[in-house]
Amino acid sequence: MFNKATSKPQNRIDSLIGATTRIEGNVIFSGGLRVDGMVRGNVGAIADQPATLVVLSVIDNLVKGAAGQAVQNMNLMFGLAETTGLTQPPVVP
């Protein structure tokens, strides 16, 4: 019904955006794309072609969890205020 074509997912990655790569702008792809770096823009697949997108995303909130505790411990070891570096707004890469 409605001429819906079925396609199976790609099993291979044709293109890679590496971990240290930063792209400003849109990325349009076909086949397989893995994003380990940063894309500041839209990521889209070419219409009517099978495509697979793999994205690695890491979020580290320095106020909560082990990272924040490590910063607090370092501050205390160096005689700084416990919250030094934790109350500033984050810097986006």
N, C-alpha and C. Protein backbone atom coordinates (compact mmCIF):
# COMPACT_ATOMS: atom_id res chain seq x y z
N MET A 1 0.83 -1.18 0.00
CA MET A 1 0.00 0.00 0.00
C MET A 1 0.88 1.24 0.00
N PHE A 2 0.62 2.30 -0.64
CA PHE A 2 1.37 3.54 -0.71
C PHE A 2 2.77 3.36 -1.28
N ASN A 3 3.06 2.28 -1.96
CA ASN A 3 4.34 2.05 -2.61
C ASN A 3 5.52 2.21 -1.65
N LYS A 4 5.40 1.66 -0.47
CA LYS A 4 6.45 1.76 0.54
C LYS A 4 7.51 0.70 0.28
N ALA A 5 8.70 1.13 -0.09
CA ALA A 5 9.79 0.20 -0.34
C ALA A 5 10.46 -0.15 0.98
N THR A 6 10.78 -1.39 1.14
CA THR A 6 11.49 -1.80 2.35
C THR A 6 12.96 -1.95 2.01
N SER A 7 13.81 -1.48 2.88
CA SER A 7 15.24 -1.62 2.68
C SER A 7 15.86 -2.06 3.99
N LYS A 8 16.89 -2.88 3.89
CA LYS A 8 17.55 -3.31 5.11
C LYS A 8 18.70 -2.37 5.41
N PRO A 9 19.07 -2.27 6.68
CA PRO A 9 20.12 -1.33 7.06
C PRO A 9 21.48 -1.70 6.46
N GLN A 10 22.30 -0.69 6.27
CA GLN A 10 23.65 -0.91 5.77
C GLN A 10 24.46 -1.63 6.84
N ASN A 11 25.36 -2.48 6.43
CA ASN A 11 26.25 -3.16 7.37
C ASN A 11 27.66 -2.60 7.33
N ARG A 12 27.88 -1.56 6.53
CA ARG A 12 29.22 -1.00 6.45
C ARG A 12 29.15 0.52 6.56
N ILE A 13 30.26 1.08 6.96
CA ILE A 13 30.38 2.53 7.08
C ILE A 13 31.27 3.00 5.94
N ASP A 14 30.75 3.89 5.10
CA ASP A 14 31.49 4.41 3.96
C ASP A 14 32.30 5.65 4.32
N SER A 15 31.83 6.44 5.29
CA SER A 15 32.47 7.70 5.65
C SER A 15 32.58 7.82 7.16
N LEU A 16 33.63 8.48 7.61
CA LEU A 16 33.87 8.67 9.05
C LEU A 16 34.22 10.12 9.30
N ILE A 17 33.59 10.70 10.31
CA ILE A 17 33.98 12.01 10.81
C ILE A 17 34.72 11.73 12.11
N GLY A 18 36.04 11.87 12.08
CA GLY A 18 36.91 11.48 13.20
C GLY A 18 36.69 12.28 14.46
N ALA A 19 37.19 11.75 15.56
CA ALA A 19 36.96 12.32 16.89
C ALA A 19 37.48 13.75 17.02
N THR A 20 38.54 14.11 16.33
CA THR A 20 39.09 15.46 16.45
C THR A 20 38.62 16.39 15.34
N THR A 21 37.70 15.92 14.50
CA THR A 21 37.21 16.72 13.38
C THR A 21 36.00 17.56 13.80
N ARG A 22 35.98 18.81 13.36
CA ARG A 22 34.84 19.70 13.61
C ARG A 22 34.35 20.23 12.27
N ILE A 23 33.07 20.07 12.01
CA ILE A 23 32.47 20.53 10.77
C ILE A 23 31.43 21.60 11.09
N GLU A 24 31.55 22.75 10.43
CA GLU A 24 30.58 23.83 10.56
C GLU A 24 29.74 23.81 9.28
N GLY A 25 28.50 23.39 9.37
CA GLY A 25 27.63 23.33 8.20
C GLY A 25 26.93 21.99 8.11
N ASN A 26 26.14 21.83 7.09
CA ASN A 26 25.33 20.62 6.93
C ASN A 26 26.12 19.51 6.28
N VAL A 27 25.79 18.26 6.65
CA VAL A 27 26.40 17.08 6.06
C VAL A 27 25.28 16.24 5.45
N ILE A 28 25.38 15.97 4.16
CA ILE A 28 24.42 15.12 3.45
C ILE A 28 25.19 13.89 2.98
N PHE A 29 24.66 12.69 3.25
CA PHE A 29 25.40 11.48 2.92
C PHE A 29 24.50 10.41 2.34
N SER A 30 25.13 9.41 1.74
CA SER A 30 24.44 8.19 1.33
C SER A 30 25.31 7.02 1.80
N GLY A 31 24.72 5.86 1.94
CA GLY A 31 25.47 4.71 2.45
C GLY A 31 25.54 4.75 3.96
N GLY A 32 26.74 4.61 4.50
CA GLY A 32 26.92 4.61 5.95
C GLY A 32 27.82 5.75 6.38
N LEU A 33 27.46 6.41 7.48
CA LEU A 33 28.25 7.51 8.03
C LEU A 33 28.37 7.31 9.53
N ARG A 34 29.61 7.41 10.05
CA ARG A 34 29.84 7.37 11.49
C ARG A 34 30.38 8.72 11.91
N VAL A 35 29.77 9.29 12.96
CA VAL A 35 30.18 10.60 13.46
C VAL A 35 30.76 10.43 14.85
N ASP A 36 32.08 10.58 14.97
CA ASP A 36 32.73 10.60 16.27
C ASP A 36 33.14 12.02 16.64
N GLY A 37 33.23 12.89 15.66
CA GLY A 37 33.63 14.28 15.87
C GLY A 37 32.42 15.16 16.12
N MET A 38 32.57 16.45 15.77
CA MET A 38 31.51 17.41 16.03
C MET A 38 30.98 17.97 14.72
N VAL A 39 29.68 17.98 14.57
CA VAL A 39 29.02 18.61 13.42
C VAL A 39 28.11 19.69 13.97
N ARG A 40 28.41 20.93 13.64
CA ARG A 40 27.54 22.03 14.05
C ARG A 40 26.71 22.38 12.83
N GLY A 41 25.59 21.67 12.69
CA GLY A 41 24.71 21.81 11.54
C GLY A 41 23.81 20.59 11.49
N ASN A 42 23.17 20.39 10.35
CA ASN A 42 22.26 19.26 10.18
C ASN A 42 22.98 18.10 9.50
N VAL A 43 22.60 16.87 9.89
CA VAL A 43 23.10 15.67 9.23
C VAL A 43 21.89 15.00 8.60
N GLY A 44 21.97 14.75 7.30
CA GLY A 44 20.84 14.15 6.60
C GLY A 44 21.29 13.18 5.53
N ALA A 45 20.42 12.25 5.20
CA ALA A 45 20.70 11.26 4.16
C ALA A 45 20.02 11.67 2.86
N ILE A 46 20.61 11.26 1.75
CA ILE A 46 20.02 11.51 0.44
C ILE A 46 18.72 10.73 0.34
N ALA A 47 17.67 11.37 -0.14
CA ALA A 47 16.34 10.75 -0.22
C ALA A 47 16.36 9.54 -1.14
N ASP A 48 15.55 8.56 -0.79
CA ASP A 48 15.32 7.35 -1.59
C ASP A 48 16.55 6.48 -1.75
N GLN A 49 17.54 6.61 -0.86
CA GLN A 49 18.70 5.74 -0.87
C GLN A 49 18.88 5.18 0.54
N PRO A 50 19.23 3.89 0.64
CA PRO A 50 19.44 3.33 1.98
C PRO A 50 20.61 4.03 2.68
N ALA A 51 20.44 4.28 3.96
CA ALA A 51 21.48 4.98 4.70
C ALA A 51 21.48 4.53 6.15
N THR A 52 22.68 4.52 6.74
CA THR A 52 22.85 4.20 8.16
C THR A 52 23.71 5.29 8.78
N LEU A 53 23.27 5.81 9.91
CA LEU A 53 24.01 6.83 10.63
C LEU A 53 24.36 6.30 12.01
N VAL A 54 25.65 6.35 12.37
CA VAL A 54 26.12 5.95 13.70
C VAL A 54 26.71 7.19 14.34
N VAL A 55 26.21 7.55 15.52
CA VAL A 55 26.66 8.75 16.21
C VAL A 55 27.19 8.37 17.59
N LEU A 56 28.38 8.87 17.92
CA LEU A 56 28.95 8.69 19.25
C LEU A 56 28.72 9.99 20.00
N SER A 57 28.05 9.92 21.13
CA SER A 57 27.74 11.12 21.89
C SER A 57 28.20 10.93 23.33
N VAL A 58 28.93 11.92 23.84
CA VAL A 58 29.40 11.86 25.21
C VAL A 58 29.05 13.18 25.87
N ILE A 59 28.41 13.12 27.00
CA ILE A 59 28.07 14.31 27.76
C ILE A 59 28.67 14.14 29.15
N ASP A 60 29.49 15.07 29.57
CA ASP A 60 30.09 15.02 30.90
C ASP A 60 29.67 16.28 31.64
N ASN A 61 28.81 16.12 32.60
CA ASN A 61 28.36 17.23 33.41
C ASN A 61 29.28 17.32 34.62
N LEU A 62 30.14 18.34 34.64
CA LEU A 62 31.14 18.44 35.70
C LEU A 62 30.56 18.71 37.08
N VAL A 63 29.30 19.05 37.16
CA VAL A 63 28.73 19.35 38.47
C VAL A 63 28.31 18.07 39.19
N LYS A 64 28.01 17.02 38.45
CA LYS A 64 27.52 15.79 39.05
C LYS A 64 28.45 14.63 38.71
N GLY A 65 28.53 13.67 39.57
CA GLY A 65 29.26 12.45 39.27
C GLY A 65 30.75 12.52 39.58
N ALA A 66 31.46 11.55 39.04
CA ALA A 66 32.88 11.37 39.35
C ALA A 66 33.74 12.53 38.85
N ALA A 67 33.40 13.12 37.70
CA ALA A 67 34.21 14.22 37.17
C ALA A 67 34.16 15.42 38.12
N GLY A 68 32.98 15.75 38.60
CA GLY A 68 32.85 16.86 39.54
C GLY A 68 33.58 16.60 40.84
N GLN A 69 33.52 15.37 41.30
CA GLN A 69 34.22 15.00 42.54
C GLN A 69 35.73 15.11 42.35
N ALA A 70 36.21 14.70 41.18
CA ALA A 70 37.65 14.80 40.91
C ALA A 70 38.10 16.25 40.92
N VAL A 71 37.31 17.15 40.32
CA VAL A 71 37.67 18.57 40.32
C VAL A 71 37.64 19.12 41.74
N GLN A 72 36.65 18.75 42.52
CA GLN A 72 36.58 19.20 43.91
C GLN A 72 37.80 18.72 44.70
N ASN A 73 38.19 17.46 44.53
CA ASN A 73 39.35 16.92 45.25
C ASN A 73 40.63 17.64 44.84
N MET A 74 40.79 17.92 43.54
CA MET A 74 41.96 18.64 43.06
C MET A 74 42.00 20.05 43.66
N ASN A 75 40.84 20.71 43.71
CA ASN A 75 40.78 22.04 44.31
C ASN A 75 41.24 22.02 45.76
N LEU A 76 40.77 21.04 46.52
CA LEU A 76 41.15 20.93 47.93
C LEU A 76 42.65 20.65 48.08
N MET A 77 43.19 19.80 47.21
CA MET A 77 44.61 19.48 47.27
C MET A 77 45.49 20.71 47.02
N PHE A 78 45.02 21.63 46.18
CA PHE A 78 45.79 22.82 45.85
C PHE A 78 45.39 24.04 46.68
N GLY A 79 44.55 23.82 47.69
CA GLY A 79 44.17 24.91 48.58
C GLY A 79 43.21 25.91 47.98
N LEU A 80 42.48 25.50 46.95
CA LEU A 80 41.50 26.38 46.31
C LEU A 80 40.12 26.15 46.92
N ALA A 81 39.22 27.07 46.64
CA ALA A 81 37.83 26.87 47.06
C ALA A 81 37.28 25.62 46.38
N GLU A 82 36.49 24.87 47.10
CA GLU A 82 36.00 23.58 46.60
C GLU A 82 35.23 23.69 45.29
N THR A 83 34.55 24.81 45.07
CA THR A 83 33.72 24.95 43.87
C THR A 83 34.43 25.67 42.71
N THR A 84 35.72 25.94 42.84
CA THR A 84 36.46 26.62 41.77
C THR A 84 36.36 25.82 40.47
N GLY A 85 35.95 26.49 39.41
CA GLY A 85 35.84 25.83 38.11
C GLY A 85 34.55 25.08 37.89
N LEU A 86 33.72 24.96 38.92
CA LEU A 86 32.47 24.19 38.78
C LEU A 86 31.25 25.09 38.64
N THR A 87 31.39 26.37 38.95
CA THR A 87 30.22 27.26 38.90
C THR A 87 30.21 28.13 37.64
N GLN A 88 31.21 27.97 36.79
CA GLN A 88 31.26 28.76 35.55
C GLN A 88 30.38 28.11 34.50
N PRO A 89 29.84 28.91 33.57
CA PRO A 89 29.04 28.32 32.49
C PRO A 89 29.95 27.46 31.60
N PRO A 90 29.41 26.39 31.04
CA PRO A 90 30.23 25.50 30.22
C PRO A 90 30.67 26.17 28.93
N VAL A 91 31.79 25.71 28.39
CA VAL A 91 32.31 26.18 27.12
C VAL A 91 32.00 25.10 26.09
N VAL A 92 31.29 25.47 25.03
CA VAL A 92 30.93 24.50 23.99
C VAL A 92 32.10 24.40 23.02
N PRO A 93 32.55 23.17 22.73
CA PRO A 93 33.70 23.03 21.82
C PRO A 93 33.41 23.58 20.44
